[in-house]
N, C-alpha and C. Protein backbone atom coordinates (compact mmCIF):
# COMPACT_ATOMS: atom_id res chain seq x y z
N MET A 1 6.09 -16.95 4.86
CA MET A 1 5.81 -15.58 4.25
C MET A 1 6.66 -15.06 4.98
N CYS A 2 7.11 -13.87 5.32
CA CYS A 2 7.79 -12.83 5.81
C CYS A 2 7.55 -11.54 6.38
N ALA A 3 7.35 -11.18 7.49
CA ALA A 3 6.90 -9.82 7.19
C ALA A 3 8.61 -8.94 7.02
N ASP A 4 7.17 -7.45 6.48
CA ASP A 4 8.42 -7.25 6.41
C ASP A 4 8.64 -5.95 7.34
N GLU A 5 7.34 -6.11 8.04
CA GLU A 5 7.63 -5.07 9.18
C GLU A 5 6.25 -6.15 10.38
N SER A 6 6.47 -5.58 11.19
CA SER A 6 5.31 -6.00 12.12
C SER A 6 5.61 -5.72 13.76
N TYR A 7 4.73 -5.39 14.03
CA TYR A 7 3.84 -4.76 16.08
C TYR A 7 2.88 -5.25 16.74
N ALA A 8 2.88 -5.57 17.95
CA ALA A 8 2.64 -6.35 18.88
C ALA A 8 1.50 -5.73 19.13
N LEU A 9 -0.11 -5.57 19.92
CA LEU A 9 -0.56 -4.44 20.11
C LEU A 9 0.02 -4.46 21.76
N GLY A 10 -0.44 -2.81 21.77
CA GLY A 10 0.49 -2.31 23.22
C GLY A 10 2.06 -2.01 23.00
N SER A 11 2.71 -2.25 22.22
CA SER A 11 4.70 -2.17 21.57
C SER A 11 3.78 -0.20 21.35
N ARG A 12 5.39 -0.63 21.14
CA ARG A 12 5.57 1.06 20.40
C ARG A 12 6.67 1.02 20.25
N LYS A 13 7.12 1.88 18.82
CA LYS A 13 7.45 1.86 17.52
C LYS A 13 9.75 2.34 18.55
N HIS A 14 9.78 3.91 19.31
CA HIS A 14 9.84 4.33 20.23
C HIS A 14 8.81 4.38 22.20
N LEU A 15 10.53 4.95 22.50
CA LEU A 15 9.56 4.77 24.06
C LEU A 15 8.68 6.18 24.12
N GLN A 16 8.73 7.06 22.86
CA GLN A 16 8.10 8.58 23.06
C GLN A 16 6.69 8.29 22.98
N ALA A 17 6.50 7.08 21.84
CA ALA A 17 5.76 6.60 20.43
C ALA A 17 4.12 6.53 21.42
N ARG A 18 2.91 6.54 21.31
CA ARG A 18 1.65 5.96 21.85
C ARG A 18 2.38 3.83 21.38
N PRO A 19 1.40 3.76 23.01
CA PRO A 19 1.07 2.03 22.19
C PRO A 19 0.20 2.09 20.53
N TYR A 20 0.73 0.81 20.44
CA TYR A 20 0.09 0.57 18.24
C TYR A 20 -1.84 -0.07 19.39
N GLY A 21 -2.99 0.47 18.90
CA GLY A 21 -3.81 -0.33 19.57
C GLY A 21 -4.51 -1.52 18.94
N HIS A 22 -2.87 -2.13 18.00
CA HIS A 22 -3.28 -2.56 17.25
C HIS A 22 -2.53 -3.67 16.64
N THR A 23 -1.99 -5.02 16.06
CA THR A 23 -1.20 -5.98 15.46
C THR A 23 -0.89 -5.27 14.23
N GLY A 24 0.36 -5.00 14.13
CA GLY A 24 0.09 -4.94 13.16
C GLY A 24 1.39 -6.52 11.56
N TRP A 25 1.33 -6.36 10.49
CA TRP A 25 1.42 -7.06 9.85
C TRP A 25 2.15 -6.37 8.72
N LYS A 26 3.56 -5.89 8.52
CA LYS A 26 3.14 -5.51 6.31
C LYS A 26 3.77 -6.00 6.04
N ARG A 27 4.20 -5.69 4.70
CA ARG A 27 4.24 -6.52 4.21
C ARG A 27 5.03 -5.28 2.40
N HIS A 28 5.63 -5.57 2.05
CA HIS A 28 6.20 -4.40 1.34
C HIS A 28 7.13 -4.77 -0.77
N ALA A 29 6.23 -3.93 -1.13
CA ALA A 29 6.99 -3.15 -2.64
C ALA A 29 6.90 -2.89 -2.88
N MET A 30 8.18 -2.85 -3.72
CA MET A 30 8.44 -0.90 -3.67
C MET A 30 8.84 -1.38 -5.46
N ALA A 31 8.75 0.25 -5.34
CA ALA A 31 9.26 0.07 -6.96
C ALA A 31 9.88 -0.41 -7.85
N PRO A 32 10.31 -0.67 -8.65
CA PRO A 32 11.61 -1.55 -9.26
C PRO A 32 12.28 -0.59 -10.12
N GLU A 33 11.71 0.77 -10.40
CA GLU A 33 13.09 1.29 -10.47
C GLU A 33 12.73 3.01 -10.69
N PRO A 34 13.49 4.42 -10.62
CA PRO A 34 12.83 5.82 -10.32
C PRO A 34 11.43 5.79 -12.02
N GLY A 35 10.22 6.62 -11.57
CA GLY A 35 9.84 6.94 -12.67
C GLY A 35 8.29 5.31 -13.39
N ALA A 36 8.24 4.55 -12.53
CA ALA A 36 7.61 2.85 -12.19
C ALA A 36 5.84 3.39 -11.13
N ARG A 37 5.38 2.46 -12.44
CA ARG A 37 3.11 2.99 -12.35
C ARG A 37 3.43 2.13 -11.11
N PRO A 38 1.36 2.15 -10.52
CA PRO A 38 1.54 1.46 -9.35
C PRO A 38 1.16 0.05 -10.14
N GLU A 39 1.24 -0.63 -11.15
CA GLU A 39 0.72 -1.31 -12.02
C GLU A 39 2.32 -2.66 -12.28
N ASP A 40 3.27 -1.17 -12.31
CA ASP A 40 4.41 -2.17 -12.41
C ASP A 40 4.56 -2.88 -10.67
N LEU A 41 4.07 -3.06 -9.87
CA LEU A 41 3.97 -3.58 -8.38
C LEU A 41 3.06 -4.40 -8.36
N GLU A 42 2.24 -5.11 -9.91
CA GLU A 42 1.43 -6.54 -9.77
C GLU A 42 1.62 -7.34 -9.58
N PRO A 43 2.95 -7.73 -10.64
CA PRO A 43 2.97 -9.16 -10.81
C PRO A 43 4.19 -9.52 -9.28
N ILE A 44 4.95 -8.31 -8.25
CA ILE A 44 5.31 -8.66 -6.91
C ILE A 44 3.99 -9.02 -6.24
N VAL A 45 3.43 -8.83 -6.09
CA VAL A 45 1.47 -8.90 -4.85
C VAL A 45 1.11 -10.30 -5.60
N LEU A 46 1.14 -10.41 -6.75
CA LEU A 46 0.52 -11.97 -7.60
C LEU A 46 1.47 -13.37 -7.10
N SER A 47 2.78 -12.55 -7.17
CA SER A 47 4.21 -14.01 -6.93
C SER A 47 3.92 -14.38 -5.37
N TRP A 48 2.61 -13.82 -4.63
CA TRP A 48 2.24 -13.84 -3.51
C TRP A 48 2.04 -14.71 -3.65
N GLY A 49 1.37 -15.27 -4.38
CA GLY A 49 0.42 -16.71 -4.74
C GLY A 49 -1.18 -16.22 -4.20
N GLU A 50 -1.89 -17.69 -4.62
CA GLU A 50 -3.04 -18.20 -3.86
C GLU A 50 -3.59 -18.50 -2.60
N ARG A 51 -2.52 -19.43 -2.10
CA ARG A 51 -2.55 -19.88 -1.26
C ARG A 51 -1.94 -18.66 -0.39
N PHE A 52 -1.69 -17.65 -0.49
CA PHE A 52 -1.21 -17.09 0.81
C PHE A 52 -2.65 -15.85 0.63
N ALA A 53 -3.16 -14.82 -0.71
CA ALA A 53 -4.22 -14.96 -0.66
C ALA A 53 -5.34 -15.43 0.27
N ARG A 54 -5.47 -16.73 -0.11
CA ARG A 54 -6.80 -18.15 0.23
C ARG A 54 -6.48 -17.84 1.64
N ALA A 55 -4.79 -17.31 3.11
CA ALA A 55 -5.28 -17.18 3.88
C ALA A 55 -5.28 -15.90 5.29
N LEU A 56 -5.26 -14.83 3.74
CA LEU A 56 -5.25 -13.99 4.65
C LEU A 56 -6.91 -13.62 4.28
N GLY A 57 -7.50 -13.72 3.04
CA GLY A 57 -9.47 -13.62 3.27
C GLY A 57 -9.86 -14.78 4.29
N ALA A 58 -9.01 -16.22 5.10
CA ALA A 58 -9.93 -16.62 5.85
C ALA A 58 -9.77 -15.70 7.32
N LEU A 59 -8.65 -15.31 7.54
CA LEU A 59 -7.95 -14.58 9.10
C LEU A 59 -9.19 -13.29 8.57
N ALA A 60 -9.55 -12.15 7.36
CA ALA A 60 -9.85 -11.19 7.31
C ALA A 60 -11.04 -11.66 7.51
N GLY A 61 -11.94 -12.45 7.51
CA GLY A 61 -12.91 -13.58 7.29
C GLY A 61 -13.36 -13.45 8.78
N SER A 62 -12.03 -13.72 9.51
CA SER A 62 -12.34 -14.44 11.44
C SER A 62 -12.88 -12.89 12.11
N GLY A 63 -12.96 -11.93 11.24
CA GLY A 63 -13.35 -10.73 11.95
C GLY A 63 -12.37 -10.34 13.28
N ASP A 64 -10.81 -10.75 12.62
CA ASP A 64 -9.30 -10.43 13.79
C ASP A 64 -8.77 -9.71 13.22
N ALA A 65 -8.98 -9.53 11.78
CA ALA A 65 -8.00 -8.66 11.24
C ALA A 65 -8.51 -8.31 9.48
N GLU A 66 -8.02 -7.43 8.98
CA GLU A 66 -7.92 -6.11 8.33
C GLU A 66 -6.98 -6.57 6.57
N VAL A 67 -7.86 -6.49 6.39
CA VAL A 67 -6.46 -6.71 5.08
C VAL A 67 -6.44 -5.70 3.77
N SER A 68 -5.69 -5.28 3.11
CA SER A 68 -4.90 -4.17 3.27
C SER A 68 -4.54 -4.06 1.79
N LEU A 69 -4.29 -3.05 0.40
CA LEU A 69 -3.13 -3.20 -0.84
C LEU A 69 -3.35 -1.85 -0.15
N VAL A 70 -2.36 -0.47 0.35
CA VAL A 70 -1.91 0.61 -0.17
C VAL A 70 -1.41 0.73 -0.77
N LEU A 71 -1.71 1.41 -1.63
CA LEU A 71 -1.06 1.75 -2.67
C LEU A 71 -0.37 3.31 -2.78
N VAL A 72 1.12 3.86 -2.63
CA VAL A 72 0.86 5.38 -2.41
C VAL A 72 2.07 5.47 -4.16
N GLN A 73 1.43 6.52 -4.24
CA GLN A 73 1.60 7.45 -5.62
C GLN A 73 2.11 8.72 -5.45
N SER A 74 3.25 8.68 -6.04
CA SER A 74 4.17 10.50 -5.54
C SER A 74 3.90 10.70 -7.64
N VAL A 75 3.00 11.64 -7.81
CA VAL A 75 3.34 12.84 -9.87
C VAL A 75 3.41 14.07 -9.24
N GLU A 76 4.74 13.58 -10.10
CA GLU A 76 5.71 15.06 -9.44
C GLU A 76 5.52 15.96 -11.35
N ASP A 77 4.40 15.31 -12.17
CA ASP A 77 4.59 15.74 -13.75
C ASP A 77 3.22 15.34 -14.00
N LEU A 78 2.62 17.50 -13.52
CA LEU A 78 0.99 17.37 -13.86
C LEU A 78 0.67 16.95 -15.39
N ASP A 79 1.62 17.48 -16.28
CA ASP A 79 1.07 17.29 -17.46
C ASP A 79 1.90 16.28 -17.92
N ASP A 80 1.82 14.71 -17.46
CA ASP A 80 2.53 14.34 -17.71
C ASP A 80 1.50 12.71 -18.00
N GLU A 81 0.29 12.88 -18.37
CA GLU A 81 -0.53 11.52 -18.80
C GLU A 81 -0.21 10.23 -17.57
N MET A 82 0.76 9.87 -18.24
CA MET A 82 0.90 8.56 -17.64
C MET A 82 1.46 8.92 -15.96
N SER A 83 1.51 9.40 -15.68
CA SER A 83 1.99 9.57 -14.74
C SER A 83 0.95 9.67 -13.03
N LYS A 84 -0.02 9.99 -13.89
CA LYS A 84 -1.23 9.79 -13.07
C LYS A 84 -2.54 8.70 -13.83
N GLY A 85 -3.03 8.48 -11.73
CA GLY A 85 -4.35 7.17 -11.98
C GLY A 85 -3.83 6.73 -11.48
N ILE A 86 -4.59 5.25 -10.63
CA ILE A 86 -3.73 3.91 -11.27
C ILE A 86 -4.65 3.28 -11.31
N VAL A 87 -4.59 1.42 -12.03
CA VAL A 87 -5.31 0.65 -13.15
C VAL A 87 -5.00 -0.49 -12.55
N LEU A 88 -5.71 -1.77 -12.06
CA LEU A 88 -6.48 -2.39 -11.33
C LEU A 88 -6.32 -3.57 -12.19
N SER A 89 -5.81 -4.82 -12.46
CA SER A 89 -6.26 -5.26 -13.79
C SER A 89 -7.31 -5.94 -13.15
N ALA A 90 -7.78 -7.14 -13.45
CA ALA A 90 -8.48 -8.10 -13.35
C ALA A 90 -8.04 -8.83 -12.77
N GLY A 91 -6.71 -9.85 -12.72
CA GLY A 91 -5.79 -10.51 -11.93
C GLY A 91 -5.43 -9.65 -10.49
N LEU A 92 -5.40 -8.76 -10.32
CA LEU A 92 -4.75 -8.20 -9.13
C LEU A 92 -6.76 -8.49 -8.53
N VAL A 93 -7.37 -7.59 -8.96
CA VAL A 93 -8.70 -7.54 -7.95
C VAL A 93 -9.19 -9.47 -8.12
N ALA A 94 -8.83 -10.02 -8.72
CA ALA A 94 -9.35 -11.97 -8.43
C ALA A 94 -8.97 -11.19 -7.06
N TRP A 95 -6.95 -11.34 -7.55
CA TRP A 95 -6.80 -12.46 -5.73
C TRP A 95 -6.76 -11.50 -4.19
N LEU A 96 -7.17 -9.79 -5.15
CA LEU A 96 -7.44 -8.27 -3.54
C LEU A 96 -8.47 -9.94 -3.31
N ALA A 97 -9.77 -9.78 -4.42
CA ALA A 97 -11.46 -10.21 -3.47
C ALA A 97 -10.98 -11.82 -2.37
N THR A 98 -9.65 -12.55 -3.03
CA THR A 98 -10.15 -14.46 -2.71
C THR A 98 -9.23 -13.65 -1.44
N ALA A 99 -8.27 -12.60 -0.92
CA ALA A 99 -7.40 -12.35 0.30
C ALA A 99 -8.48 -10.94 0.67
N ARG A 100 -9.89 -10.94 0.59
CA ARG A 100 -10.56 -10.29 1.31
C ARG A 100 -10.60 -8.48 1.77
N ALA A 101 -9.27 -8.20 0.81
CA ALA A 101 -8.61 -7.19 0.97
C ALA A 101 -9.55 -5.60 0.19
N TYR A 102 -8.82 -4.44 0.92
CA TYR A 102 -9.40 -3.54 0.49
C TYR A 102 -8.29 -3.05 0.11
N VAL A 103 -8.21 -1.48 -0.69
CA VAL A 103 -7.81 -0.68 -1.42
C VAL A 103 -7.56 0.78 -0.99
N ASP A 104 -6.35 1.35 -0.28
CA ASP A 104 -6.21 2.20 0.63
C ASP A 104 -5.02 3.18 -0.40
N ILE A 105 -6.04 4.49 -1.47
CA ILE A 105 -4.75 4.28 -2.24
C ILE A 105 -4.79 6.00 -1.71
N ASP A 106 -3.28 6.43 -1.90
CA ASP A 106 -2.85 7.72 -1.17
C ASP A 106 -2.03 8.49 -2.23
N GLN A 107 -2.03 9.26 -3.13
CA GLN A 107 -1.54 10.07 -4.36
C GLN A 107 -1.15 11.59 -3.27
N TYR A 108 0.28 11.95 -4.21
CA TYR A 108 0.83 12.51 -3.50
C TYR A 108 0.93 13.65 -4.47
N ILE A 109 1.06 14.78 -5.27
CA ILE A 109 1.28 16.01 -5.90
C ILE A 109 2.03 16.83 -5.68
N PHE A 110 3.69 17.15 -6.05
CA PHE A 110 4.63 17.23 -5.86
C PHE A 110 4.56 18.47 -7.59
N HIS A 111 4.68 20.35 -7.13
CA HIS A 111 4.60 20.66 -8.05
C HIS A 111 5.25 22.85 -7.80
N GLU A 112 5.67 22.55 -8.36
CA GLU A 112 5.93 24.24 -8.50
C GLU A 112 5.24 25.55 -8.40
N CYS A 113 4.62 26.22 -7.63
CA CYS A 113 3.99 27.25 -7.82
C CYS A 113 4.67 28.10 -8.28
N ASP A 114 4.13 28.73 -9.34
CA ASP A 114 4.04 30.02 -9.94
C ASP A 114 3.74 30.74 -8.58
N GLU A 115 2.71 31.52 -7.71
CA GLU A 115 3.16 32.37 -6.41
C GLU A 115 4.32 32.52 -6.05
N PRO A 116 4.54 33.61 -5.14
CA PRO A 116 5.16 33.55 -4.57
C PRO A 116 4.85 33.10 -3.85
N THR A 117 5.63 32.87 -2.24
CA THR A 117 5.85 32.79 -1.28
C THR A 117 5.84 33.87 0.22
N THR A 118 4.55 33.98 0.76
CA THR A 118 5.09 35.08 1.97
C THR A 118 5.54 34.77 3.01
N GLU A 119 6.48 35.23 3.06
CA GLU A 119 7.39 34.98 4.86
C GLU A 119 7.10 35.88 5.89
N MET A 120 6.78 35.08 6.52
CA MET A 120 6.24 35.57 7.99
C MET A 120 7.54 36.36 8.58
């Protein structure tokens, strides 16, 4: 399986950037359509297969790497119950356990404030 993004210890994203303090390898799964839920990405992760999960688990178990599933969710309608929260199925939790992965959830809430902004 190929990485969508990778970098080596000590390399830089651009000349002015600090060197990376670790080696990184990333695989991205993007929402299939606008308004999709994080759970809609589950089939993509599971399609990476049990063999890949075991390989990640072995790497994590060696102490040479950390494995994580990073979920980024943007909430734009606070009144829409379906736009909030994330559900992880038993199948995905089992895959993550095999991969010895932790879950990192970043949720961003975008809304219009009723309060006027003050300009300085």
